[in-house]
N, C-alpha and C. Protein backbone atom coordinates (compact mmCIF):
# COMPACT_ATOMS: atom_id res chain seq x y z
N MET A 1 0.83 -15.57 5.18
CA MET A 1 1.51 -14.45 5.81
C MET A 1 1.97 -13.43 4.76
N TYR A 2 2.51 -13.94 3.63
CA TYR A 2 3.01 -13.02 2.60
C TYR A 2 1.90 -12.13 2.06
N ARG A 3 0.72 -12.72 1.81
CA ARG A 3 -0.39 -11.91 1.27
C ARG A 3 -0.75 -10.80 2.26
N ARG A 4 -0.73 -11.12 3.54
CA ARG A 4 -1.06 -10.10 4.54
C ARG A 4 0.00 -9.01 4.57
N ILE A 5 1.28 -9.38 4.49
CA ILE A 5 2.35 -8.39 4.51
C ILE A 5 2.26 -7.50 3.29
N VAL A 6 2.00 -8.08 2.12
CA VAL A 6 1.87 -7.29 0.90
C VAL A 6 0.74 -6.28 1.05
N SER A 7 -0.38 -6.74 1.59
CA SER A 7 -1.52 -5.84 1.75
C SER A 7 -1.18 -4.70 2.70
N VAL A 8 -0.55 -5.03 3.83
CA VAL A 8 -0.18 -3.98 4.78
C VAL A 8 0.83 -3.04 4.16
N MET A 9 1.82 -3.58 3.41
CA MET A 9 2.81 -2.74 2.76
C MET A 9 2.16 -1.73 1.84
N THR A 10 1.24 -2.19 1.04
CA THR A 10 0.58 -1.29 0.10
C THR A 10 -0.22 -0.24 0.84
N VAL A 11 -0.89 -0.66 1.90
CA VAL A 11 -1.63 0.28 2.73
C VAL A 11 -0.70 1.33 3.30
N ILE A 12 0.43 0.90 3.84
CA ILE A 12 1.37 1.81 4.46
C ILE A 12 1.94 2.80 3.47
N ALA A 13 2.47 2.28 2.39
CA ALA A 13 3.24 3.10 1.48
C ALA A 13 2.39 3.97 0.58
N ILE A 14 1.14 3.57 0.37
CA ILE A 14 0.34 4.27 -0.61
C ILE A 14 -1.00 4.71 -0.07
N SER A 15 -1.85 3.75 0.26
CA SER A 15 -3.26 4.05 0.43
C SER A 15 -3.55 4.98 1.58
N MET A 16 -2.87 4.81 2.72
CA MET A 16 -3.14 5.67 3.85
C MET A 16 -2.80 7.11 3.56
N THR A 17 -1.86 7.33 2.64
CA THR A 17 -1.42 8.68 2.36
C THR A 17 -2.45 9.48 1.58
N CYS A 18 -3.52 8.86 1.14
CA CYS A 18 -4.55 9.58 0.39
C CYS A 18 -5.60 10.19 1.29
N LEU A 19 -5.43 10.12 2.59
CA LEU A 19 -6.42 10.69 3.49
C LEU A 19 -6.58 12.18 3.23
N MET A 20 -7.79 12.58 2.90
CA MET A 20 -8.06 13.98 2.64
C MET A 20 -8.74 14.59 3.86
N ALA A 21 -8.03 15.41 4.58
CA ALA A 21 -8.58 16.08 5.76
C ALA A 21 -8.70 17.58 5.48
N GLN A 22 -9.55 18.25 6.22
CA GLN A 22 -9.83 19.65 5.96
C GLN A 22 -8.59 20.52 6.09
N ASP A 23 -7.65 20.13 6.96
CA ASP A 23 -6.48 20.98 7.20
C ASP A 23 -5.27 20.57 6.37
N THR A 24 -5.45 19.78 5.30
CA THR A 24 -4.30 19.35 4.50
C THR A 24 -4.18 20.07 3.17
N GLN A 25 -5.07 20.99 2.86
CA GLN A 25 -5.04 21.66 1.56
C GLN A 25 -3.72 22.40 1.37
N GLY A 26 -3.06 22.14 0.25
CA GLY A 26 -1.80 22.80 -0.06
C GLY A 26 -0.58 22.19 0.61
N THR A 27 -0.77 21.15 1.41
CA THR A 27 0.33 20.52 2.12
C THR A 27 0.95 19.40 1.28
N ALA A 28 2.01 18.80 1.81
CA ALA A 28 2.63 17.66 1.14
C ALA A 28 1.63 16.52 1.00
N LEU A 29 0.80 16.31 1.99
CA LEU A 29 -0.20 15.24 1.93
C LEU A 29 -1.21 15.50 0.81
N ASP A 30 -1.60 16.74 0.67
CA ASP A 30 -2.53 17.12 -0.40
C ASP A 30 -1.90 16.89 -1.77
N LYS A 31 -0.62 17.22 -1.92
CA LYS A 31 0.08 17.02 -3.20
C LYS A 31 0.19 15.53 -3.54
N LEU A 32 0.46 14.71 -2.53
CA LEU A 32 0.54 13.28 -2.77
C LEU A 32 -0.82 12.73 -3.18
N CYS A 33 -1.86 13.17 -2.51
CA CYS A 33 -3.21 12.73 -2.85
C CYS A 33 -3.55 13.08 -4.30
N SER A 34 -3.14 14.27 -4.74
CA SER A 34 -3.41 14.70 -6.10
C SER A 34 -2.69 13.79 -7.10
N ALA A 35 -1.43 13.45 -6.80
CA ALA A 35 -0.67 12.56 -7.70
C ALA A 35 -1.33 11.19 -7.78
N LEU A 36 -1.76 10.67 -6.65
CA LEU A 36 -2.38 9.35 -6.63
C LEU A 36 -3.74 9.35 -7.30
N SER A 37 -4.39 10.50 -7.33
CA SER A 37 -5.72 10.59 -7.95
C SER A 37 -5.65 10.66 -9.46
N HIS A 38 -4.55 11.20 -10.01
CA HIS A 38 -4.50 11.48 -11.44
C HIS A 38 -3.43 10.71 -12.20
N SER A 39 -2.64 9.88 -11.52
CA SER A 39 -1.49 9.25 -12.17
C SER A 39 -1.29 7.83 -11.66
N CYS A 40 -0.28 7.17 -12.22
CA CYS A 40 0.22 5.91 -11.68
C CYS A 40 1.44 6.25 -10.85
N VAL A 41 1.47 5.84 -9.60
CA VAL A 41 2.58 6.15 -8.70
C VAL A 41 3.42 4.89 -8.50
N SER A 42 4.74 5.03 -8.69
CA SER A 42 5.66 3.92 -8.57
C SER A 42 6.57 4.15 -7.37
N LEU A 43 6.71 3.13 -6.51
CA LEU A 43 7.52 3.23 -5.30
C LEU A 43 8.49 2.06 -5.20
N ASN A 44 9.72 2.35 -4.75
CA ASN A 44 10.66 1.31 -4.37
C ASN A 44 10.85 1.42 -2.86
N CYS A 45 10.56 0.35 -2.13
CA CYS A 45 10.53 0.41 -0.67
C CYS A 45 11.39 -0.70 -0.05
N SER A 46 11.94 -0.41 1.11
CA SER A 46 12.48 -1.44 1.98
C SER A 46 11.69 -1.36 3.28
N TYR A 47 11.43 -2.50 3.90
CA TYR A 47 10.61 -2.47 5.09
C TYR A 47 10.98 -3.58 6.06
N GLY A 48 10.73 -3.31 7.32
CA GLY A 48 10.92 -4.29 8.36
C GLY A 48 9.60 -4.56 9.05
N PHE A 49 9.38 -5.82 9.38
CA PHE A 49 8.15 -6.22 10.07
C PHE A 49 8.53 -6.84 11.40
N ASP A 50 7.83 -6.44 12.46
CA ASP A 50 8.14 -6.93 13.81
C ASP A 50 6.84 -7.22 14.53
N MET A 51 6.59 -8.49 14.82
CA MET A 51 5.41 -8.88 15.58
C MET A 51 5.75 -10.12 16.40
N SER A 52 5.78 -9.97 17.72
CA SER A 52 6.09 -11.08 18.61
C SER A 52 7.42 -11.70 18.20
N GLU A 53 7.42 -12.96 17.78
CA GLU A 53 8.67 -13.62 17.42
C GLU A 53 8.95 -13.55 15.92
N ILE A 54 8.11 -12.85 15.16
CA ILE A 54 8.30 -12.74 13.72
C ILE A 54 8.99 -11.42 13.41
N ARG A 55 10.19 -11.51 12.88
CA ARG A 55 10.95 -10.31 12.49
C ARG A 55 11.66 -10.58 11.18
N PHE A 56 11.52 -9.67 10.23
CA PHE A 56 12.26 -9.81 8.99
C PHE A 56 12.30 -8.48 8.24
N ASN A 57 13.22 -8.40 7.28
CA ASN A 57 13.35 -7.23 6.42
C ASN A 57 13.20 -7.68 4.97
N ALA A 58 12.65 -6.82 4.14
CA ALA A 58 12.42 -7.17 2.74
C ALA A 58 12.35 -5.89 1.91
N GLU A 59 12.24 -6.08 0.60
CA GLU A 59 12.09 -4.97 -0.33
C GLU A 59 10.94 -5.24 -1.28
N ALA A 60 10.35 -4.18 -1.82
CA ALA A 60 9.25 -4.34 -2.77
C ALA A 60 9.18 -3.14 -3.69
N ASP A 61 8.82 -3.41 -4.94
CA ASP A 61 8.48 -2.36 -5.90
C ASP A 61 6.97 -2.35 -6.05
N ILE A 62 6.35 -1.18 -5.95
CA ILE A 62 4.90 -1.06 -5.95
C ILE A 62 4.47 -0.03 -6.97
N LYS A 63 3.44 -0.36 -7.75
CA LYS A 63 2.79 0.61 -8.62
C LYS A 63 1.30 0.63 -8.28
N VAL A 64 0.74 1.82 -8.12
CA VAL A 64 -0.67 1.96 -7.76
C VAL A 64 -1.34 2.97 -8.68
N GLN A 65 -2.54 2.62 -9.11
CA GLN A 65 -3.35 3.51 -9.95
C GLN A 65 -4.81 3.27 -9.59
N GLY A 66 -5.40 4.20 -8.86
CA GLY A 66 -6.77 4.01 -8.42
C GLY A 66 -6.89 2.77 -7.55
N ARG A 67 -7.80 1.86 -7.92
CA ARG A 67 -7.98 0.63 -7.16
C ARG A 67 -7.05 -0.49 -7.63
N ALA A 68 -6.23 -0.22 -8.62
CA ALA A 68 -5.35 -1.24 -9.18
C ALA A 68 -3.93 -1.08 -8.65
N TYR A 69 -3.21 -2.20 -8.51
CA TYR A 69 -1.84 -2.14 -8.04
C TYR A 69 -1.08 -3.40 -8.43
N VAL A 70 0.25 -3.27 -8.47
CA VAL A 70 1.17 -4.39 -8.64
C VAL A 70 2.24 -4.27 -7.58
N VAL A 71 2.50 -5.37 -6.86
CA VAL A 71 3.57 -5.41 -5.86
C VAL A 71 4.54 -6.50 -6.27
N ASP A 72 5.81 -6.14 -6.47
CA ASP A 72 6.87 -7.07 -6.83
C ASP A 72 7.79 -7.20 -5.63
N GLY A 73 7.65 -8.31 -4.90
CA GLY A 73 8.46 -8.55 -3.73
C GLY A 73 8.91 -9.99 -3.69
N ALA A 74 8.67 -10.66 -2.57
CA ALA A 74 9.01 -12.09 -2.48
C ALA A 74 8.20 -12.89 -3.49
N ALA A 75 7.02 -12.42 -3.79
CA ALA A 75 6.19 -12.97 -4.87
C ALA A 75 5.64 -11.76 -5.64
N LEU A 76 4.79 -12.02 -6.61
CA LEU A 76 4.16 -10.95 -7.38
C LEU A 76 2.68 -10.89 -7.02
N THR A 77 2.19 -9.70 -6.73
CA THR A 77 0.76 -9.53 -6.47
C THR A 77 0.20 -8.51 -7.44
N TYR A 78 -0.86 -8.91 -8.13
CA TYR A 78 -1.54 -8.06 -9.10
C TYR A 78 -2.97 -7.83 -8.64
N SER A 79 -3.49 -6.64 -8.89
CA SER A 79 -4.91 -6.39 -8.69
C SER A 79 -5.39 -5.38 -9.71
N ASP A 80 -6.45 -5.73 -10.45
CA ASP A 80 -7.03 -4.79 -11.40
C ASP A 80 -8.20 -4.03 -10.79
N GLY A 81 -8.36 -4.16 -9.47
CA GLY A 81 -9.45 -3.50 -8.77
C GLY A 81 -10.63 -4.42 -8.51
N GLU A 82 -10.69 -5.54 -9.23
CA GLU A 82 -11.76 -6.51 -9.04
C GLU A 82 -11.24 -7.86 -8.58
N THR A 83 -10.07 -8.24 -9.09
CA THR A 83 -9.47 -9.54 -8.78
C THR A 83 -8.04 -9.34 -8.29
N VAL A 84 -7.61 -10.16 -7.33
CA VAL A 84 -6.23 -10.13 -6.82
C VAL A 84 -5.57 -11.47 -7.13
N TRP A 85 -4.39 -11.41 -7.76
CA TRP A 85 -3.59 -12.60 -8.04
C TRP A 85 -2.29 -12.51 -7.26
N THR A 86 -1.99 -13.51 -6.41
CA THR A 86 -0.70 -13.60 -5.74
C THR A 86 0.06 -14.73 -6.41
N VAL A 87 1.16 -14.40 -7.10
CA VAL A 87 1.82 -15.33 -8.01
C VAL A 87 3.25 -15.60 -7.53
N ASP A 88 3.61 -16.88 -7.43
CA ASP A 88 4.99 -17.27 -7.17
C ASP A 88 5.48 -18.05 -8.39
N PRO A 89 6.16 -17.39 -9.33
CA PRO A 89 6.58 -18.07 -10.56
C PRO A 89 7.64 -19.14 -10.33
N ASN A 90 8.38 -19.07 -9.23
CA ASN A 90 9.43 -20.05 -8.97
C ASN A 90 8.87 -21.44 -8.72
N ILE A 91 7.74 -21.50 -8.01
CA ILE A 91 7.12 -22.80 -7.73
C ILE A 91 5.83 -22.98 -8.52
N LYS A 92 5.55 -22.03 -9.43
CA LYS A 92 4.36 -22.08 -10.30
C LYS A 92 3.08 -22.28 -9.47
N GLU A 93 2.85 -21.32 -8.60
CA GLU A 93 1.65 -21.35 -7.77
C GLU A 93 0.99 -19.98 -7.79
N VAL A 94 -0.35 -19.95 -7.89
CA VAL A 94 -1.08 -18.68 -7.90
C VAL A 94 -2.31 -18.82 -7.01
N TYR A 95 -2.56 -17.78 -6.25
CA TYR A 95 -3.71 -17.69 -5.34
C TYR A 95 -4.58 -16.55 -5.86
N ILE A 96 -5.82 -16.82 -6.20
CA ILE A 96 -6.71 -15.82 -6.82
C ILE A 96 -7.91 -15.58 -5.91
N GLN A 97 -8.24 -14.31 -5.69
CA GLN A 97 -9.42 -13.98 -4.90
C GLN A 97 -10.02 -12.68 -5.40
N SER A 98 -11.26 -12.45 -5.06
CA SER A 98 -11.92 -11.20 -5.41
C SER A 98 -11.43 -10.09 -4.50
N SER A 99 -11.37 -8.88 -5.02
CA SER A 99 -11.04 -7.73 -4.18
C SER A 99 -12.18 -7.52 -3.20
N GLY A 100 -11.86 -7.41 -1.94
CA GLY A 100 -12.88 -7.21 -0.92
C GLY A 100 -12.91 -5.79 -0.44
N ASN A 101 -13.67 -5.56 0.61
CA ASN A 101 -13.75 -4.23 1.20
C ASN A 101 -12.94 -4.09 2.48
N GLU A 102 -12.37 -5.21 2.96
CA GLU A 102 -11.54 -5.13 4.15
C GLU A 102 -10.19 -4.54 3.77
N MET A 103 -9.73 -3.58 4.51
CA MET A 103 -8.55 -2.83 4.11
C MET A 103 -7.29 -3.66 4.04
N LEU A 104 -7.10 -4.58 4.98
CA LEU A 104 -5.87 -5.36 4.94
C LEU A 104 -5.91 -6.43 3.87
N ASN A 105 -7.08 -6.72 3.33
CA ASN A 105 -7.19 -7.67 2.23
C ASN A 105 -7.21 -6.96 0.88
N ASP A 106 -7.62 -5.71 0.87
CA ASP A 106 -7.68 -4.94 -0.37
C ASP A 106 -7.22 -3.52 -0.07
N PRO A 107 -5.92 -3.24 -0.21
CA PRO A 107 -5.41 -1.90 0.12
C PRO A 107 -6.10 -0.78 -0.63
N ALA A 108 -6.57 -1.06 -1.85
CA ALA A 108 -7.20 0.00 -2.64
C ALA A 108 -8.50 0.49 -2.03
N ALA A 109 -9.07 -0.28 -1.09
CA ALA A 109 -10.30 0.16 -0.43
C ALA A 109 -10.10 1.46 0.32
N PHE A 110 -8.85 1.79 0.66
CA PHE A 110 -8.58 3.05 1.35
C PHE A 110 -8.97 4.25 0.50
N PHE A 111 -8.87 4.12 -0.82
CA PHE A 111 -9.14 5.26 -1.68
C PHE A 111 -10.58 5.74 -1.58
N GLN A 112 -11.48 4.86 -1.19
CA GLN A 112 -12.90 5.20 -1.23
C GLN A 112 -13.42 5.79 0.08
N ASN A 113 -12.93 5.33 1.21
CA ASN A 113 -13.52 5.75 2.49
C ASN A 113 -12.48 6.09 3.55
N LEU A 114 -11.39 6.76 3.14
CA LEU A 114 -10.34 7.04 4.11
C LEU A 114 -10.81 7.89 5.28
N ASP A 115 -11.64 8.90 4.99
CA ASP A 115 -12.06 9.78 6.07
C ASP A 115 -12.96 9.06 7.06
N LYS A 116 -13.48 7.89 6.68
CA LYS A 116 -14.30 7.10 7.60
C LYS A 116 -13.42 6.36 8.60
N TYR A 117 -12.20 6.00 8.20
CA TYR A 117 -11.37 5.14 9.02
C TYR A 117 -10.20 5.85 9.70
N PHE A 118 -9.72 6.96 9.15
CA PHE A 118 -8.54 7.62 9.70
C PHE A 118 -8.73 9.12 9.84
N LYS A 119 -7.99 9.67 10.79
CA LYS A 119 -7.96 11.11 10.97
C LYS A 119 -6.52 11.55 11.21
N VAL A 120 -6.20 12.75 10.76
CA VAL A 120 -4.89 13.33 11.02
C VAL A 120 -4.93 13.93 12.42
N THR A 121 -4.08 13.41 13.32
CA THR A 121 -4.09 13.89 14.71
C THR A 121 -2.92 14.82 15.01
N GLY A 122 -2.00 14.93 14.07
CA GLY A 122 -0.88 15.84 14.29
C GLY A 122 -0.08 16.06 13.02
N LYS A 123 0.49 17.25 12.89
CA LYS A 123 1.34 17.58 11.75
C LYS A 123 2.45 18.50 12.22
N THR A 124 3.71 18.13 11.93
CA THR A 124 4.85 18.95 12.30
C THR A 124 5.81 19.02 11.13
N ARG A 125 6.73 19.99 11.19
CA ARG A 125 7.82 20.08 10.22
C ARG A 125 9.11 19.74 10.95
N ASP A 126 9.95 18.94 10.29
CA ASP A 126 11.19 18.50 10.93
C ASP A 126 12.27 18.37 9.86
N GLY A 127 13.21 19.31 9.85
CA GLY A 127 14.32 19.23 8.91
C GLY A 127 13.91 19.24 7.46
N GLY A 128 12.90 19.99 7.10
CA GLY A 128 12.49 20.11 5.71
C GLY A 128 11.48 19.07 5.26
N VAL A 129 10.98 18.24 6.17
CA VAL A 129 9.94 17.27 5.83
C VAL A 129 8.70 17.54 6.68
N GLU A 130 7.56 17.03 6.21
CA GLU A 130 6.31 17.15 6.97
C GLU A 130 6.00 15.78 7.57
N VAL A 131 5.71 15.78 8.86
CA VAL A 131 5.45 14.54 9.59
C VAL A 131 3.99 14.54 10.03
N TYR A 132 3.25 13.50 9.60
CA TYR A 132 1.83 13.38 9.91
C TYR A 132 1.59 12.21 10.85
N ALA A 133 0.79 12.45 11.88
CA ALA A 133 0.33 11.38 12.75
C ALA A 133 -1.10 11.04 12.38
N LEU A 134 -1.37 9.78 12.09
CA LEU A 134 -2.70 9.31 11.71
C LEU A 134 -3.19 8.30 12.72
N GLU A 135 -4.47 8.34 13.02
CA GLU A 135 -5.08 7.35 13.91
C GLU A 135 -6.35 6.82 13.28
N ALA A 136 -6.59 5.52 13.50
CA ALA A 136 -7.82 4.90 13.02
C ALA A 136 -8.98 5.34 13.90
N VAL A 137 -10.10 5.67 13.30
CA VAL A 137 -11.28 6.04 14.08
C VAL A 137 -12.13 4.82 14.41
N GLU A 138 -11.86 3.69 13.71
CA GLU A 138 -12.46 2.42 14.06
C GLU A 138 -11.52 1.32 13.62
N ASP A 139 -11.65 0.13 14.18
CA ASP A 139 -10.70 -0.94 13.93
C ASP A 139 -10.75 -1.40 12.48
N CYS A 140 -9.61 -1.27 11.78
CA CYS A 140 -9.49 -1.74 10.40
C CYS A 140 -8.23 -2.56 10.23
N GLY A 141 -7.63 -2.98 11.34
CA GLY A 141 -6.39 -3.75 11.29
C GLY A 141 -5.16 -2.90 11.52
N ILE A 142 -5.30 -1.58 11.39
CA ILE A 142 -4.21 -0.65 11.65
C ILE A 142 -4.65 0.33 12.72
N ARG A 143 -3.84 0.47 13.76
CA ARG A 143 -4.19 1.36 14.87
C ARG A 143 -3.76 2.80 14.60
N SER A 144 -2.50 2.98 14.12
CA SER A 144 -1.99 4.33 13.93
C SER A 144 -0.80 4.29 12.98
N ALA A 145 -0.39 5.48 12.54
CA ALA A 145 0.76 5.58 11.64
C ALA A 145 1.42 6.94 11.80
N VAL A 146 2.72 6.95 11.54
CA VAL A 146 3.48 8.19 11.42
C VAL A 146 4.03 8.22 10.01
N LEU A 147 3.66 9.23 9.25
CA LEU A 147 4.00 9.32 7.83
C LEU A 147 4.89 10.54 7.59
N VAL A 148 6.01 10.34 6.90
CA VAL A 148 6.96 11.43 6.63
C VAL A 148 6.99 11.69 5.13
N LEU A 149 6.74 12.96 4.73
CA LEU A 149 6.70 13.35 3.33
C LEU A 149 7.62 14.55 3.09
N LYS A 150 8.20 14.60 1.88
CA LYS A 150 8.88 15.80 1.44
C LYS A 150 7.83 16.85 1.07
N PRO A 151 8.21 18.13 1.02
CA PRO A 151 7.23 19.18 0.70
C PRO A 151 6.51 18.97 -0.63
N ASP A 152 7.15 18.27 -1.60
CA ASP A 152 6.50 18.06 -2.90
C ASP A 152 5.56 16.86 -2.90
N GLY A 153 5.39 16.20 -1.75
CA GLY A 153 4.48 15.07 -1.65
C GLY A 153 5.14 13.71 -1.79
N THR A 154 6.46 13.68 -1.97
CA THR A 154 7.17 12.42 -2.07
C THR A 154 7.22 11.73 -0.71
N ILE A 155 6.92 10.43 -0.70
CA ILE A 155 6.94 9.67 0.56
C ILE A 155 8.39 9.37 0.94
N VAL A 156 8.75 9.64 2.20
CA VAL A 156 10.07 9.33 2.73
C VAL A 156 10.04 8.04 3.54
N SER A 157 9.09 7.96 4.47
CA SER A 157 9.02 6.79 5.34
C SER A 157 7.68 6.75 6.06
N ALA A 158 7.44 5.62 6.72
CA ALA A 158 6.24 5.46 7.54
C ALA A 158 6.51 4.42 8.61
N ILE A 159 5.93 4.63 9.76
CA ILE A 159 5.93 3.64 10.82
C ILE A 159 4.48 3.33 11.14
N ILE A 160 4.10 2.06 11.04
CA ILE A 160 2.72 1.64 11.21
C ILE A 160 2.59 0.74 12.42
N THR A 161 1.59 1.00 13.24
CA THR A 161 1.26 0.11 14.36
C THR A 161 -0.05 -0.60 14.04
N LEU A 162 -0.01 -1.93 13.98
CA LEU A 162 -1.19 -2.72 13.67
C LEU A 162 -2.02 -2.98 14.91
N SER A 163 -3.27 -3.33 14.71
CA SER A 163 -4.18 -3.59 15.83
C SER A 163 -3.72 -4.76 16.69
N ASP A 164 -3.02 -5.73 16.06
CA ASP A 164 -2.57 -6.90 16.81
C ASP A 164 -1.21 -6.70 17.46
N GLY A 165 -0.69 -5.47 17.44
CA GLY A 165 0.59 -5.17 18.09
C GLY A 165 1.78 -5.21 17.17
N GLY A 166 1.61 -5.70 15.94
CA GLY A 166 2.71 -5.72 14.99
C GLY A 166 3.07 -4.32 14.53
N LYS A 167 4.32 -4.16 14.09
CA LYS A 167 4.78 -2.87 13.60
C LYS A 167 5.54 -3.06 12.29
N MET A 168 5.41 -2.08 11.41
CA MET A 168 6.18 -2.06 10.18
C MET A 168 6.88 -0.72 10.05
N ASP A 169 8.15 -0.78 9.67
CA ASP A 169 8.97 0.41 9.46
C ASP A 169 9.34 0.44 7.98
N VAL A 170 8.84 1.42 7.25
CA VAL A 170 9.00 1.48 5.81
C VAL A 170 9.89 2.65 5.40
N LYS A 171 10.85 2.38 4.52
CA LYS A 171 11.68 3.43 3.93
C LYS A 171 11.44 3.41 2.43
N VAL A 172 11.10 4.55 1.86
CA VAL A 172 10.87 4.65 0.42
C VAL A 172 12.14 5.22 -0.21
N THR A 173 12.81 4.39 -1.01
CA THR A 173 14.07 4.82 -1.62
C THR A 173 13.86 5.64 -2.88
N SER A 174 12.72 5.42 -3.56
CA SER A 174 12.41 6.25 -4.73
C SER A 174 10.91 6.25 -4.97
N MET A 175 10.42 7.35 -5.51
CA MET A 175 9.01 7.49 -5.87
C MET A 175 8.91 8.30 -7.14
N THR A 176 8.18 7.78 -8.12
CA THR A 176 7.98 8.52 -9.37
C THR A 176 6.50 8.55 -9.71
N VAL A 177 6.09 9.62 -10.36
CA VAL A 177 4.71 9.78 -10.82
C VAL A 177 4.71 9.59 -12.33
N GLU A 178 3.93 8.61 -12.81
CA GLU A 178 3.94 8.24 -14.22
C GLU A 178 2.56 8.45 -14.84
N GLU A 179 2.51 8.38 -16.17
CA GLU A 179 1.22 8.46 -16.85
C GLU A 179 0.40 7.22 -16.53
N LYS A 180 -0.92 7.36 -16.59
CA LYS A 180 -1.80 6.24 -16.31
C LYS A 180 -1.56 5.10 -17.29
N LYS A 181 -1.72 3.88 -16.79
CA LYS A 181 -1.49 2.69 -17.59
C LYS A 181 -2.83 1.99 -17.88
N SER A 182 -2.82 1.14 -18.90
CA SER A 182 -3.99 0.33 -19.21
C SER A 182 -4.26 -0.63 -18.06
N VAL A 183 -5.52 -0.97 -17.84
CA VAL A 183 -5.88 -1.89 -16.76
C VAL A 183 -5.20 -3.24 -16.93
N THR A 184 -4.86 -3.62 -18.16
CA THR A 184 -4.21 -4.92 -18.39
C THR A 184 -2.82 -4.99 -17.76
N PHE A 185 -2.20 -3.83 -17.51
CA PHE A 185 -0.90 -3.81 -16.85
C PHE A 185 -0.99 -4.41 -15.45
N PHE A 186 -2.16 -4.29 -14.84
CA PHE A 186 -2.34 -4.73 -13.45
C PHE A 186 -2.90 -6.15 -13.36
N ARG A 187 -2.80 -6.90 -14.48
CA ARG A 187 -3.20 -8.30 -14.51
C ARG A 187 -1.99 -9.14 -14.91
N PRO A 188 -1.89 -10.39 -14.43
CA PRO A 188 -0.75 -11.23 -14.82
C PRO A 188 -0.72 -11.44 -16.32
N SER A 189 0.50 -11.41 -16.89
CA SER A 189 0.64 -11.63 -18.32
C SER A 189 0.82 -13.12 -18.66
N MET A 190 1.18 -13.93 -17.65
CA MET A 190 1.38 -15.35 -17.90
C MET A 190 0.05 -16.10 -17.88
N SER A 191 0.01 -17.25 -18.55
CA SER A 191 -1.19 -18.09 -18.52
C SER A 191 -0.95 -19.22 -17.53
N PHE A 192 -1.95 -19.53 -16.75
CA PHE A 192 -1.82 -20.55 -15.70
C PHE A 192 -2.32 -21.89 -16.24
N ASP A 193 -1.41 -22.62 -16.87
CA ASP A 193 -1.79 -23.91 -17.47
C ASP A 193 -1.70 -25.03 -16.44
N GLU A 194 -1.68 -26.28 -16.91
CA GLU A 194 -1.71 -27.43 -16.00
C GLU A 194 -0.43 -27.55 -15.18
N ALA A 195 0.62 -26.83 -15.55
CA ALA A 195 1.86 -26.88 -14.76
C ALA A 195 1.76 -26.05 -13.48
N TRP A 196 0.72 -25.23 -13.38
CA TRP A 196 0.55 -24.36 -12.21
C TRP A 196 -0.39 -24.97 -11.18
N ILE A 197 -0.12 -24.66 -9.92
CA ILE A 197 -1.08 -24.95 -8.84
C ILE A 197 -1.91 -23.69 -8.67
N VAL A 198 -3.20 -23.79 -8.95
CA VAL A 198 -4.09 -22.62 -8.92
C VAL A 198 -5.11 -22.79 -7.81
N THR A 199 -5.14 -21.84 -6.89
CA THR A 199 -6.17 -21.80 -5.85
C THR A 199 -7.05 -20.60 -6.15
N ASP A 200 -8.26 -20.87 -6.64
CA ASP A 200 -9.16 -19.80 -7.07
C ASP A 200 -10.34 -19.74 -6.10
N LEU A 201 -10.41 -18.66 -5.31
CA LEU A 201 -11.45 -18.50 -4.29
C LEU A 201 -12.53 -17.51 -4.71
N ARG A 202 -12.56 -17.13 -5.97
CA ARG A 202 -13.58 -16.16 -6.42
C ARG A 202 -14.97 -16.81 -6.42
């Protein structure tokens, strides 16, 4: 469940916002896309998840650069664009898999084919922010989203409706644009010796 939530969180807070539509030039969405294309973007988020009888709130720090990302939440998730490591240092357990093309399993996949999966269906201004309505054009695990951005492209919040009826409400408490990092930043720095439980599905 945690791996799925991390993937959805990254999709919500970062990847979906890179949708490049013909009517977004010069808008907050366009500015955010530019930052994500040329820099490392760091986000501090709080989010709530609600699906049937599953409800909880959590926080996560996320850094994204191209297809690479790090999510620091209940566990640590690293991806260098080719491999994903989900690490729980408290119980010394790591789950390793290859980056796939399914969006909920690999949030970075949004960077490559966003216009294939999503379209902007509405844009309004409300109290100094730009509000975007996004809809999936085919089933990718997410049905729709409402994304709120400041005029400079900073993410304020998002509400996501999943295909299975689940919803996530995300608040971004801070967002910074940083210089690009080495790909090694997006790989675990610890070594997984015999003290670790390693599940490697590559």
